[in-house]
Amino acid sequence: MYEWLRDIMVERLRLPADAVRPEATADEAGLDSLAVTELVLIVQDELGVTLDEDRLYALRTVGDVAAFMERHVQPSATR
């Protein structure tokens, strides 16, 4: 899930590739509230899963976001 998330963050949200690391905070990665909103829409569109935007935004690191998504997305959805 992390690799899929990283690809989305870099390619679709246009966040700096070197900043998107599992240990990076949302601020360090450039994941602001607008980017989280876009991410939620991408996940809903591509994976058919609705995520709670507020819960997602409250997570501390990119790795935490990936782990949260992993718990809420079916494994086959990212293939």
Protein backbone atom coordinates (compact mmCIF):
# COMPACT_ATOMS: atom_id res chain seq x y z
CA MET A 1 0.00 0.00 0.00
CA TYR A 2 2.85 2.40 0.76
CA GLU A 3 4.24 2.14 -2.78
CA TRP A 4 0.81 2.81 -4.30
CA LEU A 5 0.29 5.76 -1.94
CA ARG A 6 3.74 7.16 -2.69
CA ASP A 7 3.13 6.93 -6.43
CA ILE A 8 -0.19 8.76 -6.07
CA MET A 9 1.34 11.44 -3.85
CA VAL A 10 4.23 12.09 -6.23
CA GLU A 11 2.56 11.62 -9.61
CA ARG A 12 -0.99 12.85 -9.03
CA LEU A 13 -0.65 15.23 -6.08
CA ARG A 14 2.74 16.44 -7.34
CA LEU A 15 4.44 16.29 -3.97
CA PRO A 16 8.25 16.23 -3.96
CA ALA A 17 9.45 12.63 -4.36
CA ASP A 18 12.34 13.05 -1.92
CA ALA A 19 9.92 14.35 0.76
CA VAL A 20 7.48 11.44 0.52
CA ARG A 21 9.01 8.95 2.94
CA PRO A 22 7.30 6.68 5.49
CA GLU A 23 8.74 8.65 8.41
CA ALA A 24 7.92 12.09 6.94
CA THR A 25 5.22 14.07 8.68
CA ALA A 26 2.33 15.32 6.59
CA ASP A 27 3.87 18.81 6.62
CA GLU A 28 7.30 17.54 5.56
CA ALA A 29 5.73 15.62 2.66
CA GLY A 30 3.59 18.59 1.63
CA LEU A 31 0.35 16.81 2.47
CA ASP A 32 -1.87 19.75 3.37
CA SER A 33 -5.66 19.72 3.75
CA LEU A 34 -6.21 20.24 0.01
CA ALA A 35 -3.89 17.33 -0.84
CA VAL A 36 -5.71 15.11 1.67
CA THR A 37 -9.03 16.02 0.06
CA GLU A 38 -7.62 15.14 -3.36
CA LEU A 39 -6.20 11.88 -1.99
CA VAL A 40 -9.58 10.90 -0.54
CA LEU A 41 -11.21 11.55 -3.92
CA ILE A 42 -8.54 9.50 -5.75
CA VAL A 43 -8.96 6.59 -3.33
CA GLN A 44 -12.72 6.73 -3.73
CA ASP A 45 -12.49 6.91 -7.52
CA GLU A 46 -9.76 4.31 -8.06
CA LEU A 47 -10.36 1.90 -5.18
CA GLY A 48 -14.03 2.42 -4.45
CA VAL A 49 -13.35 3.09 -0.77
CA THR A 50 -14.53 6.12 1.18
CA LEU A 51 -12.04 7.26 3.80
CA ASP A 52 -12.73 9.69 6.64
CA GLU A 53 -10.87 12.82 5.57
CA ASP A 54 -10.54 14.19 9.12
CA ARG A 55 -9.09 10.93 10.44
CA LEU A 56 -6.70 10.73 7.51
CA TYR A 57 -5.51 14.32 8.00
CA ALA A 58 -4.95 13.72 11.72
CA LEU A 59 -2.41 10.95 11.10
CA ARG A 60 1.17 11.84 11.95
CA THR A 61 3.32 10.38 9.16
CA VAL A 62 3.07 9.17 5.57
CA GLY A 63 3.65 5.66 6.92
CA ASP A 64 0.68 6.13 9.27
CA VAL A 65 -1.47 7.15 6.30
CA ALA A 66 -0.36 4.04 4.39
CA ALA A 67 -1.12 1.80 7.40
CA PHE A 68 -4.54 3.43 7.85
CA MET A 69 -5.33 2.88 4.19
CA GLU A 70 -4.11 -0.70 4.35
CA ARG A 71 -6.61 -1.39 7.12
CA HIS A 72 -9.48 0.11 5.08
CA VAL A 73 -8.72 -1.02 1.52
CA GLN A 74 -9.11 -4.55 0.19
CA PRO A 75 -5.69 -5.98 -0.84
CA SER A 76 -6.81 -6.64 -4.40
CA ALA A 77 -7.97 -3.04 -4.91
CA THR A 78 -4.47 -1.63 -5.55
CA ARG A 79 -3.42 -4.26 -8.06
